[in-house]
Amino acid sequence: MPAPRPYHHGNLRRAVLDQAGSVVRDKGAAELSLREVAAAVGVTHAAPRRYFAGRQDLLDALAVEGFVRLGARLREAVEVSPDYDDQIRAVARAYLAFTTSEANLVEVMFAHKHGADGHAVAEGATTAFSPMLQVFRHGQAQGVLPEHDPERVGLAFLATLQGLASLVNCGVVPTGDLDDLVGVAVAAAHGAAVRPGVTG
């Protein structure tokens, strides 16, 4: 078998990310190997290290891109209507659609282990969820929600959505129930806004 040819043209970083993304999407992060990604791209095993010092750095880069994509979906959802109720339902649908269709990528995005670029992952997450926070601030401005900390309400809303997505991804809840679950998530968000001090 001939040795892989050096990558002389194109964007190697992009090619490596695309190949790694395919592996994660189809097989999960546990199956990701920097050496195998390099072979699939057609470069030496050392070539990707110009951009990714190790496997974790590659996973971090995938996580950052995942948050960029999620943020774009949430921004589009917020822009569907100026009405708070329409916005929060659209955001819930967008989040659940993304997290159930990209389950393996989402697992990488929310992983606790990060490499040197861990700060970039954290910043990406903050930026991605800013449209969700915007919705709750908008709800307060419209007088739909009480004047409580929108970050606290947004966190409870996110936790509800993530929990529902996890149940779908592990097969406990059928995908066809997602539309009904949006109403559950919205009701939970309203409950968190009305009773922010309740802990149990």
N, C-alpha and C. Protein backbone atom coordinates (compact mmCIF):
# COMPACT_ATOMS: atom_id res chain seq x y z
N MET A 1 0.85 -1.19 0.00
CA MET A 1 0.00 0.00 0.00
C MET A 1 0.88 1.23 0.00
N PRO A 2 0.68 2.16 -0.93
CA PRO A 2 1.50 3.36 -0.98
C PRO A 2 1.24 4.26 0.21
N ALA A 3 2.27 4.98 0.64
CA ALA A 3 2.13 5.90 1.77
C ALA A 3 1.24 7.07 1.37
N PRO A 4 0.50 7.63 2.33
CA PRO A 4 -0.35 8.78 2.02
C PRO A 4 0.46 9.92 1.44
N ARG A 5 -0.07 10.58 0.46
CA ARG A 5 0.62 11.72 -0.15
C ARG A 5 0.42 12.97 0.68
N PRO A 6 1.45 13.81 0.80
CA PRO A 6 1.29 15.07 1.54
C PRO A 6 0.18 15.91 0.92
N TYR A 7 -0.49 16.65 1.74
CA TYR A 7 -1.61 17.47 1.28
C TYR A 7 -1.05 18.79 0.75
N HIS A 8 -0.98 18.91 -0.57
CA HIS A 8 -0.31 20.05 -1.18
C HIS A 8 -1.26 21.22 -1.50
N HIS A 9 -2.56 20.99 -1.47
CA HIS A 9 -3.46 22.06 -1.88
C HIS A 9 -4.72 22.03 -1.02
N GLY A 10 -5.46 23.11 -1.09
CA GLY A 10 -6.70 23.17 -0.33
C GLY A 10 -6.45 23.54 1.12
N ASN A 11 -7.51 23.43 1.92
CA ASN A 11 -7.48 23.80 3.32
C ASN A 11 -7.41 22.53 4.15
N LEU A 12 -6.24 22.20 4.64
CA LEU A 12 -6.07 20.97 5.40
C LEU A 12 -6.89 20.99 6.69
N ARG A 13 -6.88 22.12 7.37
CA ARG A 13 -7.64 22.20 8.62
C ARG A 13 -9.12 21.89 8.38
N ARG A 14 -9.67 22.48 7.31
CA ARG A 14 -11.07 22.26 6.99
C ARG A 14 -11.32 20.79 6.63
N ALA A 15 -10.41 20.21 5.87
CA ALA A 15 -10.57 18.81 5.46
C ALA A 15 -10.55 17.89 6.67
N VAL A 16 -9.65 18.16 7.61
CA VAL A 16 -9.55 17.34 8.82
C VAL A 16 -10.81 17.48 9.66
N LEU A 17 -11.29 18.72 9.82
CA LEU A 17 -12.51 18.94 10.59
C LEU A 17 -13.71 18.25 9.96
N ASP A 18 -13.82 18.33 8.64
CA ASP A 18 -14.94 17.70 7.96
C ASP A 18 -14.92 16.19 8.14
N GLN A 19 -13.73 15.60 8.01
CA GLN A 19 -13.62 14.15 8.16
C GLN A 19 -13.89 13.73 9.60
N ALA A 20 -13.34 14.49 10.55
CA ALA A 20 -13.58 14.19 11.96
C ALA A 20 -15.06 14.33 12.31
N GLY A 21 -15.71 15.35 11.73
CA GLY A 21 -17.13 15.53 11.97
C GLY A 21 -17.94 14.36 11.46
N SER A 22 -17.54 13.81 10.34
CA SER A 22 -18.25 12.65 9.79
C SER A 22 -18.10 11.44 10.70
N VAL A 23 -16.89 11.26 11.23
CA VAL A 23 -16.64 10.13 12.13
C VAL A 23 -17.48 10.26 13.40
N VAL A 24 -17.47 11.44 13.98
CA VAL A 24 -18.24 11.67 15.21
C VAL A 24 -19.73 11.48 14.95
N ARG A 25 -20.21 12.02 13.85
CA ARG A 25 -21.64 11.92 13.53
C ARG A 25 -22.07 10.47 13.34
N ASP A 26 -21.25 9.69 12.64
CA ASP A 26 -21.64 8.33 12.28
C ASP A 26 -21.29 7.29 13.35
N LYS A 27 -20.19 7.52 14.10
CA LYS A 27 -19.70 6.49 15.01
C LYS A 27 -19.56 6.95 16.46
N GLY A 28 -19.52 8.25 16.68
CA GLY A 28 -19.31 8.76 18.03
C GLY A 28 -17.88 9.17 18.27
N ALA A 29 -17.67 10.01 19.27
CA ALA A 29 -16.35 10.56 19.56
C ALA A 29 -15.35 9.49 19.97
N ALA A 30 -15.82 8.41 20.58
CA ALA A 30 -14.91 7.36 21.04
C ALA A 30 -14.15 6.72 19.90
N GLU A 31 -14.70 6.78 18.69
CA GLU A 31 -14.07 6.16 17.53
C GLU A 31 -13.15 7.11 16.76
N LEU A 32 -13.02 8.34 17.25
CA LEU A 32 -12.22 9.32 16.53
C LEU A 32 -10.74 9.11 16.78
N SER A 33 -9.99 8.96 15.71
CA SER A 33 -8.53 8.79 15.76
C SER A 33 -7.89 9.79 14.82
N LEU A 34 -6.97 10.59 15.33
CA LEU A 34 -6.30 11.58 14.51
C LEU A 34 -5.53 10.92 13.37
N ARG A 35 -4.94 9.78 13.65
CA ARG A 35 -4.18 9.05 12.63
C ARG A 35 -5.11 8.56 11.52
N GLU A 36 -6.27 8.03 11.89
CA GLU A 36 -7.20 7.53 10.89
C GLU A 36 -7.84 8.66 10.09
N VAL A 37 -8.07 9.79 10.74
CA VAL A 37 -8.58 10.96 10.02
C VAL A 37 -7.57 11.41 8.98
N ALA A 38 -6.30 11.44 9.37
CA ALA A 38 -5.24 11.85 8.44
C ALA A 38 -5.19 10.91 7.24
N ALA A 39 -5.30 9.62 7.49
CA ALA A 39 -5.27 8.65 6.40
C ALA A 39 -6.46 8.84 5.47
N ALA A 40 -7.63 9.11 6.03
CA ALA A 40 -8.82 9.30 5.21
C ALA A 40 -8.71 10.56 4.36
N VAL A 41 -8.06 11.59 4.90
CA VAL A 41 -7.89 12.83 4.15
C VAL A 41 -6.81 12.67 3.08
N GLY A 42 -5.89 11.74 3.33
CA GLY A 42 -4.82 11.50 2.36
C GLY A 42 -3.54 12.24 2.67
N VAL A 43 -3.26 12.41 3.97
CA VAL A 43 -2.02 13.07 4.38
C VAL A 43 -1.29 12.19 5.38
N THR A 44 -0.05 12.54 5.68
CA THR A 44 0.71 11.79 6.68
C THR A 44 0.06 11.98 8.04
N HIS A 45 0.33 11.05 8.95
CA HIS A 45 -0.30 11.10 10.26
C HIS A 45 0.11 12.33 11.05
N ALA A 46 1.25 12.92 10.71
CA ALA A 46 1.74 14.09 11.44
C ALA A 46 1.17 15.40 10.90
N ALA A 47 0.66 15.40 9.67
CA ALA A 47 0.23 16.64 9.03
C ALA A 47 -0.85 17.40 9.82
N PRO A 48 -1.88 16.73 10.33
CA PRO A 48 -2.92 17.48 11.05
C PRO A 48 -2.42 18.17 12.31
N ARG A 49 -1.27 17.75 12.83
CA ARG A 49 -0.77 18.32 14.07
C ARG A 49 -0.30 19.76 13.90
N ARG A 50 -0.23 20.20 12.67
CA ARG A 50 0.05 21.62 12.44
C ARG A 50 -1.11 22.48 12.96
N TYR A 51 -2.29 21.89 13.02
CA TYR A 51 -3.48 22.61 13.46
C TYR A 51 -4.05 22.06 14.76
N PHE A 52 -3.86 20.78 15.02
CA PHE A 52 -4.42 20.14 16.20
C PHE A 52 -3.32 19.34 16.89
N ALA A 53 -2.91 19.81 18.06
CA ALA A 53 -1.80 19.16 18.75
C ALA A 53 -2.12 17.73 19.14
N GLY A 54 -3.38 17.46 19.33
CA GLY A 54 -3.80 16.11 19.70
C GLY A 54 -5.27 15.90 19.46
N ARG A 55 -5.74 14.73 19.81
CA ARG A 55 -7.13 14.36 19.58
C ARG A 55 -8.09 15.30 20.29
N GLN A 56 -7.77 15.68 21.53
CA GLN A 56 -8.67 16.55 22.30
C GLN A 56 -8.81 17.91 21.66
N ASP A 57 -7.74 18.41 21.07
CA ASP A 57 -7.81 19.71 20.40
C ASP A 57 -8.74 19.65 19.19
N LEU A 58 -8.73 18.50 18.51
CA LEU A 58 -9.63 18.31 17.38
C LEU A 58 -11.07 18.25 17.86
N LEU A 59 -11.30 17.56 18.96
CA LEU A 59 -12.66 17.50 19.52
C LEU A 59 -13.12 18.88 19.97
N ASP A 60 -12.22 19.66 20.54
CA ASP A 60 -12.58 21.02 20.96
C ASP A 60 -12.99 21.87 19.75
N ALA A 61 -12.25 21.72 18.65
CA ALA A 61 -12.58 22.49 17.45
C ALA A 61 -13.95 22.08 16.91
N LEU A 62 -14.27 20.81 16.99
CA LEU A 62 -15.59 20.34 16.57
C LEU A 62 -16.67 20.91 17.49
N ALA A 63 -16.37 20.98 18.78
CA ALA A 63 -17.34 21.54 19.72
C ALA A 63 -17.60 23.01 19.42
N VAL A 64 -16.55 23.76 19.14
CA VAL A 64 -16.70 25.18 18.81
C VAL A 64 -17.58 25.34 17.58
N GLU A 65 -17.32 24.54 16.56
CA GLU A 65 -18.13 24.62 15.34
C GLU A 65 -19.57 24.21 15.62
N GLY A 66 -19.74 23.24 16.50
CA GLY A 66 -21.10 22.82 16.86
C GLY A 66 -21.88 23.96 17.51
N PHE A 67 -21.22 24.69 18.39
CA PHE A 67 -21.90 25.81 19.04
C PHE A 67 -22.19 26.94 18.04
N VAL A 68 -21.32 27.12 17.07
CA VAL A 68 -21.59 28.12 16.03
C VAL A 68 -22.86 27.74 15.27
N ARG A 69 -22.97 26.48 14.91
CA ARG A 69 -24.14 26.01 14.17
C ARG A 69 -25.41 26.12 15.02
N LEU A 70 -25.30 25.73 16.30
CA LEU A 70 -26.45 25.81 17.19
C LEU A 70 -26.88 27.26 17.37
N GLY A 71 -25.91 28.14 17.56
CA GLY A 71 -26.23 29.55 17.73
C GLY A 71 -26.96 30.12 16.53
N ALA A 72 -26.53 29.71 15.33
CA ALA A 72 -27.19 30.18 14.11
C ALA A 72 -28.64 29.70 14.07
N ARG A 73 -28.87 28.45 14.48
CA ARG A 73 -30.25 27.92 14.50
C ARG A 73 -31.12 28.71 15.49
N LEU A 74 -30.56 29.02 16.64
CA LEU A 74 -31.33 29.73 17.65
C LEU A 74 -31.60 31.17 17.23
N ARG A 75 -30.64 31.80 16.59
CA ARG A 75 -30.87 33.17 16.10
C ARG A 75 -31.97 33.19 15.05
N GLU A 76 -31.95 32.22 14.16
CA GLU A 76 -33.00 32.13 13.14
C GLU A 76 -34.36 31.94 13.80
N ALA A 77 -34.40 31.14 14.86
CA ALA A 77 -35.65 30.88 15.56
C ALA A 77 -36.20 32.16 16.19
N VAL A 78 -35.31 32.95 16.79
CA VAL A 78 -35.73 34.20 17.44
C VAL A 78 -36.30 35.18 16.41
N GLU A 79 -35.78 35.12 15.20
CA GLU A 79 -36.18 36.08 14.17
C GLU A 79 -37.51 35.75 13.50
N VAL A 80 -38.14 34.65 13.87
CA VAL A 80 -39.39 34.25 13.20
C VAL A 80 -40.54 35.21 13.51
N SER A 81 -40.48 35.84 14.69
CA SER A 81 -41.60 36.69 15.09
C SER A 81 -41.14 37.62 16.21
N PRO A 82 -41.75 38.79 16.31
CA PRO A 82 -41.45 39.68 17.44
C PRO A 82 -42.19 39.29 18.72
N ASP A 83 -43.07 38.31 18.61
CA ASP A 83 -43.88 37.89 19.75
C ASP A 83 -43.12 36.90 20.62
N TYR A 84 -43.13 37.14 21.93
CA TYR A 84 -42.39 36.29 22.87
C TYR A 84 -42.82 34.83 22.78
N ASP A 85 -44.12 34.58 22.79
CA ASP A 85 -44.59 33.20 22.79
C ASP A 85 -44.14 32.46 21.53
N ASP A 86 -44.21 33.13 20.39
CA ASP A 86 -43.73 32.51 19.15
C ASP A 86 -42.23 32.24 19.22
N GLN A 87 -41.49 33.18 19.79
CA GLN A 87 -40.04 33.05 19.87
C GLN A 87 -39.62 31.88 20.75
N ILE A 88 -40.22 31.77 21.92
CA ILE A 88 -39.78 30.73 22.84
C ILE A 88 -40.12 29.34 22.30
N ARG A 89 -41.25 29.23 21.62
CA ARG A 89 -41.60 27.94 21.02
C ARG A 89 -40.67 27.61 19.85
N ALA A 90 -40.32 28.62 19.07
CA ALA A 90 -39.41 28.40 17.94
C ALA A 90 -38.03 28.01 18.44
N VAL A 91 -37.58 28.66 19.52
CA VAL A 91 -36.27 28.33 20.09
C VAL A 91 -36.27 26.89 20.62
N ALA A 92 -37.34 26.50 21.28
CA ALA A 92 -37.42 25.13 21.80
C ALA A 92 -37.38 24.11 20.67
N ARG A 93 -38.14 24.38 19.60
CA ARG A 93 -38.14 23.46 18.45
C ARG A 93 -36.75 23.38 17.82
N ALA A 94 -36.11 24.55 17.66
CA ALA A 94 -34.79 24.57 17.02
C ALA A 94 -33.77 23.82 17.86
N TYR A 95 -33.80 24.02 19.17
CA TYR A 95 -32.84 23.35 20.04
C TYR A 95 -33.04 21.84 20.03
N LEU A 96 -34.29 21.41 20.16
CA LEU A 96 -34.56 19.98 20.17
C LEU A 96 -34.25 19.33 18.82
N ALA A 97 -34.52 20.04 17.74
CA ALA A 97 -34.21 19.50 16.41
C ALA A 97 -32.70 19.30 16.25
N PHE A 98 -31.93 20.28 16.70
CA PHE A 98 -30.47 20.19 16.57
C PHE A 98 -29.91 19.09 17.47
N THR A 99 -30.31 19.08 18.73
CA THR A 99 -29.70 18.14 19.68
C THR A 99 -30.12 16.70 19.44
N THR A 100 -31.25 16.48 18.79
CA THR A 100 -31.65 15.10 18.50
C THR A 100 -31.12 14.62 17.15
N SER A 101 -30.83 15.53 16.24
CA SER A 101 -30.28 15.13 14.94
C SER A 101 -28.76 15.07 14.97
N GLU A 102 -28.13 15.73 15.96
CA GLU A 102 -26.68 15.76 16.08
C GLU A 102 -26.26 15.28 17.47
N ALA A 103 -26.80 14.14 17.87
CA ALA A 103 -26.61 13.67 19.24
C ALA A 103 -25.13 13.46 19.59
N ASN A 104 -24.36 12.86 18.70
CA ASN A 104 -22.94 12.60 18.99
C ASN A 104 -22.14 13.89 19.07
N LEU A 105 -22.45 14.84 18.20
CA LEU A 105 -21.77 16.13 18.24
C LEU A 105 -22.12 16.87 19.53
N VAL A 106 -23.37 16.83 19.93
CA VAL A 106 -23.80 17.51 21.16
C VAL A 106 -23.07 16.93 22.36
N GLU A 107 -22.84 15.63 22.35
CA GLU A 107 -22.09 15.00 23.44
C GLU A 107 -20.68 15.60 23.52
N VAL A 108 -20.06 15.83 22.38
CA VAL A 108 -18.74 16.46 22.35
C VAL A 108 -18.82 17.90 22.84
N MET A 109 -19.84 18.61 22.42
CA MET A 109 -20.01 20.01 22.80
C MET A 109 -20.13 20.19 24.31
N PHE A 110 -20.82 19.26 24.97
CA PHE A 110 -21.06 19.40 26.40
C PHE A 110 -20.10 18.56 27.25
N ALA A 111 -19.07 18.02 26.64
CA ALA A 111 -18.08 17.24 27.38
C ALA A 111 -17.34 18.14 28.37
N HIS A 112 -16.96 17.59 29.50
CA HIS A 112 -16.27 18.38 30.52
C HIS A 112 -14.76 18.43 30.28
N LYS A 113 -14.25 17.50 29.51
CA LYS A 113 -12.81 17.46 29.26
C LYS A 113 -12.48 18.31 28.04
N HIS A 114 -11.54 19.24 28.21
CA HIS A 114 -11.12 20.10 27.11
C HIS A 114 -9.61 20.25 27.12
N GLY A 115 -9.07 20.60 25.96
CA GLY A 115 -7.64 20.81 25.83
C GLY A 115 -7.28 22.28 25.98
N ALA A 116 -6.26 22.69 25.24
CA ALA A 116 -5.76 24.05 25.35
C ALA A 116 -6.78 25.09 24.90
N ASP A 117 -7.71 24.68 24.04
CA ASP A 117 -8.72 25.61 23.52
C ASP A 117 -10.04 25.53 24.27
N GLY A 118 -9.98 25.06 25.51
CA GLY A 118 -11.20 24.94 26.29
C GLY A 118 -11.92 26.26 26.46
N HIS A 119 -11.16 27.36 26.53
CA HIS A 119 -11.79 28.68 26.67
C HIS A 119 -12.62 29.02 25.43
N ALA A 120 -12.16 28.57 24.26
CA ALA A 120 -12.90 28.83 23.02
C ALA A 120 -14.23 28.09 23.03
N VAL A 121 -14.24 26.89 23.60
CA VAL A 121 -15.49 26.12 23.71
C VAL A 121 -16.46 26.85 24.62
N ALA A 122 -15.97 27.33 25.77
CA ALA A 122 -16.82 28.05 26.71
C ALA A 122 -17.38 29.32 26.08
N GLU A 123 -16.54 30.06 25.38
CA GLU A 123 -17.00 31.29 24.72
C GLU A 123 -18.01 30.97 23.63
N GLY A 124 -17.78 29.86 22.91
CA GLY A 124 -18.72 29.46 21.88
C GLY A 124 -20.08 29.13 22.45
N ALA A 125 -20.09 28.47 23.61
CA ALA A 125 -21.36 28.12 24.25
C ALA A 125 -22.10 29.38 24.69
N THR A 126 -21.37 30.32 25.28
CA THR A 126 -22.00 31.56 25.73
C THR A 126 -22.64 32.31 24.57
N THR A 127 -21.92 32.38 23.46
CA THR A 127 -22.44 33.07 22.28
C THR A 127 -23.64 32.34 21.70
N ALA A 128 -23.56 31.02 21.66
CA ALA A 128 -24.65 30.22 21.08
C ALA A 128 -25.95 30.40 21.84
N PHE A 129 -25.87 30.49 23.17
CA PHE A 129 -27.09 30.56 23.97
C PHE A 129 -27.59 31.98 24.18
N SER A 130 -26.87 32.97 23.66
CA SER A 130 -27.31 34.36 23.84
C SER A 130 -28.69 34.64 23.22
N PRO A 131 -29.06 34.01 22.08
CA PRO A 131 -30.42 34.25 21.56
C PRO A 131 -31.51 33.77 22.52
N MET A 132 -31.22 32.68 23.24
CA MET A 132 -32.19 32.17 24.20
C MET A 132 -32.38 33.18 25.34
N LEU A 133 -31.27 33.73 25.81
CA LEU A 133 -31.34 34.74 26.86
C LEU A 133 -32.10 35.98 26.36
N GLN A 134 -31.88 36.31 25.11
CA GLN A 134 -32.56 37.45 24.49
C GLN A 134 -34.08 37.26 24.52
N VAL A 135 -34.53 36.04 24.32
CA VAL A 135 -35.97 35.76 24.33
C VAL A 135 -36.57 36.07 25.69
N PHE A 136 -35.90 35.65 26.76
CA PHE A 136 -36.45 35.89 28.10
C PHE A 136 -36.40 37.37 28.47
N ARG A 137 -35.37 38.05 28.03
CA ARG A 137 -35.34 39.50 28.25
C ARG A 137 -36.47 40.18 27.49
N HIS A 138 -36.74 39.67 26.31
CA HIS A 138 -37.83 40.22 25.50
C HIS A 138 -39.17 39.97 26.17
N GLY A 139 -39.32 38.79 26.75
CA GLY A 139 -40.56 38.46 27.45
C GLY A 139 -40.80 39.38 28.63
N GLN A 140 -39.72 39.73 29.33
CA GLN A 140 -39.85 40.67 30.43
C GLN A 140 -40.24 42.06 29.91
N ALA A 141 -39.62 42.47 28.81
CA ALA A 141 -39.91 43.79 28.24
C ALA A 141 -41.36 43.89 27.79
N GLN A 142 -41.92 42.76 27.32
CA GLN A 142 -43.31 42.74 26.88
C GLN A 142 -44.29 42.60 28.05
N GLY A 143 -43.75 42.36 29.23
CA GLY A 143 -44.62 42.19 30.39
C GLY A 143 -45.19 40.80 30.52
N VAL A 144 -44.69 39.86 29.70
CA VAL A 144 -45.19 38.48 29.75
C VAL A 144 -44.59 37.73 30.93
N LEU A 145 -43.34 38.04 31.25
CA LEU A 145 -42.64 37.39 32.35
C LEU A 145 -42.37 38.38 33.46
N PRO A 146 -42.36 37.90 34.69
CA PRO A 146 -42.04 38.79 35.82
C PRO A 146 -40.59 39.25 35.72
N GLU A 147 -40.24 40.26 36.50
CA GLU A 147 -38.89 40.80 36.49
C GLU A 147 -37.97 39.93 37.35
N HIS A 148 -37.59 38.79 36.80
CA HIS A 148 -36.64 37.91 37.48
C HIS A 148 -35.40 37.76 36.60
N ASP A 149 -34.35 37.20 37.18
CA ASP A 149 -33.09 37.04 36.48
C ASP A 149 -33.29 36.20 35.22
N PRO A 150 -33.14 36.77 34.02
CA PRO A 150 -33.36 36.00 32.79
C PRO A 150 -32.34 34.87 32.61
N GLU A 151 -31.15 35.02 33.17
CA GLU A 151 -30.15 33.97 33.06
C GLU A 151 -30.58 32.74 33.85
N ARG A 152 -31.17 32.97 35.02
CA ARG A 152 -31.66 31.85 35.84
C ARG A 152 -32.79 31.12 35.13
N VAL A 153 -33.71 31.88 34.57
CA VAL A 153 -34.83 31.28 33.84
C VAL A 153 -34.33 30.55 32.60
N GLY A 154 -33.38 31.17 31.89
CA GLY A 154 -32.83 30.54 30.70
C GLY A 154 -32.11 29.24 31.01
N LEU A 155 -31.42 29.20 32.15
CA LEU A 155 -30.72 27.98 32.55
C LEU A 155 -31.70 26.85 32.82
N ALA A 156 -32.81 27.18 33.51
CA ALA A 156 -33.82 26.16 33.78
C ALA A 156 -34.45 25.67 32.47
N PHE A 157 -34.68 26.59 31.55
CA PHE A 157 -35.25 26.24 30.25
C PHE A 157 -34.29 25.33 29.48
N LEU A 158 -33.00 25.69 29.48
CA LEU A 158 -32.00 24.89 28.80
C LEU A 158 -31.91 23.49 29.40
N ALA A 159 -31.95 23.41 30.73
CA ALA A 159 -31.89 22.11 31.39
C ALA A 159 -33.07 21.23 31.00
N THR A 160 -34.24 21.85 30.89
CA THR A 160 -35.43 21.09 30.47
C THR A 160 -35.27 20.58 29.05
N LEU A 161 -34.83 21.45 28.15
CA LEU A 161 -34.65 21.05 26.75
C LEU A 161 -33.60 19.95 26.63
N GLN A 162 -32.49 20.12 27.35
CA GLN A 162 -31.42 19.13 27.25
C GLN A 162 -31.86 17.78 27.80
N GLY A 163 -32.64 17.82 28.88
CA GLY A 163 -33.15 16.57 29.43
C GLY A 163 -34.10 15.87 28.47
N LEU A 164 -34.97 16.63 27.82
CA LEU A 164 -35.89 16.04 26.84
C LEU A 164 -35.12 15.46 25.65
N ALA A 165 -34.11 16.20 25.19
CA ALA A 165 -33.31 15.71 24.07
C ALA A 165 -32.60 14.41 24.44
N SER A 166 -32.09 14.32 25.66
CA SER A 166 -31.40 13.11 26.11
C SER A 166 -32.35 11.92 26.13
N LEU A 167 -33.57 12.15 26.55
CA LEU A 167 -34.55 11.06 26.58
C LEU A 167 -34.89 10.58 25.17
N VAL A 168 -34.95 11.51 24.23
CA VAL A 168 -35.19 11.13 22.83
C VAL A 168 -33.98 10.37 22.29
N ASN A 169 -32.79 10.87 22.56
CA ASN A 169 -31.58 10.27 22.00
C ASN A 169 -31.31 8.86 22.52
N CYS A 170 -31.74 8.59 23.75
CA CYS A 170 -31.52 7.25 24.29
C CYS A 170 -32.70 6.33 24.04
N GLY A 171 -33.72 6.81 23.32
CA GLY A 171 -34.82 5.97 22.91
C GLY A 171 -35.97 5.86 23.89
N VAL A 172 -35.90 6.59 25.00
CA VAL A 172 -36.98 6.53 25.99
C VAL A 172 -38.23 7.24 25.47
N VAL A 173 -38.03 8.35 24.76
CA VAL A 173 -39.14 9.12 24.22
C VAL A 173 -39.06 9.08 22.69
N PRO A 174 -40.15 8.75 22.01
CA PRO A 174 -40.14 8.71 20.54
C PRO A 174 -39.91 10.10 19.94
N THR A 175 -39.20 10.14 18.82
CA THR A 175 -38.95 11.40 18.14
C THR A 175 -40.24 12.11 17.78
N GLY A 176 -41.27 11.34 17.47
CA GLY A 176 -42.55 11.92 17.08
C GLY A 176 -43.22 12.71 18.18
N ASP A 177 -42.73 12.58 19.41
CA ASP A 177 -43.33 13.31 20.53
C ASP A 177 -42.71 14.69 20.72
N LEU A 178 -41.74 15.06 19.88
CA LEU A 178 -41.03 16.31 20.09
C LEU A 178 -41.94 17.53 20.08
N ASP A 179 -42.89 17.57 19.17
CA ASP A 179 -43.77 18.74 19.10
C ASP A 179 -44.54 18.92 20.41
N ASP A 180 -45.03 17.83 20.97
CA ASP A 180 -45.75 17.92 22.24
C ASP A 180 -44.82 18.35 23.37
N LEU A 181 -43.57 17.91 23.30
CA LEU A 181 -42.61 18.23 24.35
C LEU A 181 -42.23 19.70 24.36
N VAL A 182 -42.37 20.36 23.21
CA VAL A 182 -42.10 21.80 23.16
C VAL A 182 -43.01 22.52 24.16
N GLY A 183 -44.28 22.12 24.19
CA GLY A 183 -45.21 22.73 25.13
C GLY A 183 -44.80 22.49 26.58
N VAL A 184 -44.27 21.30 26.85
CA VAL A 184 -43.79 20.98 28.20
C VAL A 184 -42.63 21.89 28.58
N ALA A 185 -41.70 22.08 27.63
CA ALA A 185 -40.54 22.93 27.90
C ALA A 185 -40.95 24.37 28.14
N VAL A 186 -41.88 24.87 27.34
CA VAL A 186 -42.34 26.25 27.49
C VAL A 186 -43.04 26.44 28.84
N ALA A 187 -43.87 25.47 29.21
CA ALA A 187 -44.56 25.55 30.51
C ALA A 187 -43.56 25.54 31.66
N ALA A 188 -42.51 24.73 31.51
CA ALA A 188 -41.48 24.67 32.55
C ALA A 188 -40.75 26.00 32.66
N ALA A 189 -40.50 26.65 31.53
CA ALA A 189 -39.83 27.94 31.54
C ALA A 189 -40.69 28.99 32.24
N HIS A 190 -41.98 28.97 31.98
CA HIS A 190 -42.88 29.92 32.64
C HIS A 190 -42.92 29.67 34.13
N GLY A 191 -42.88 28.40 34.52
CA GLY A 191 -42.86 28.07 35.95
C GLY A 191 -41.62 28.56 36.62
N ALA A 192 -40.47 28.45 35.93
CA ALA A 192 -39.21 28.92 36.50
C ALA A 192 -39.21 30.42 36.66
N ALA A 193 -39.89 31.10 35.74
CA ALA A 193 -39.94 32.57 35.80
C ALA A 193 -40.83 33.04 36.95
N VAL A 194 -41.89 32.31 37.19
CA VAL A 194 -42.83 32.73 38.22
C VAL A 194 -42.32 32.37 39.61
N ARG A 195 -41.59 31.23 39.72
CA ARG A 195 -41.13 30.77 41.03
C ARG A 195 -39.63 30.57 41.02
N PRO A 196 -38.84 31.63 40.83
CA PRO A 196 -37.39 31.47 40.74
C PRO A 196 -36.73 31.03 42.03
N GLY A 197 -37.38 31.20 43.16
CA GLY A 197 -36.75 30.85 44.41
C GLY A 197 -37.04 29.43 44.87
N VAL A 198 -37.89 28.69 44.15
CA VAL A 198 -38.26 27.35 44.54
C VAL A 198 -37.13 26.39 44.21
N THR A 199 -36.69 25.61 45.15
CA THR A 199 -35.60 24.66 44.93
C THR A 199 -36.03 23.24 45.12
N GLY A 200 -37.21 22.99 45.53
CA GLY A 200 -37.63 21.62 45.69
C GLY A 200 -38.93 21.54 46.50
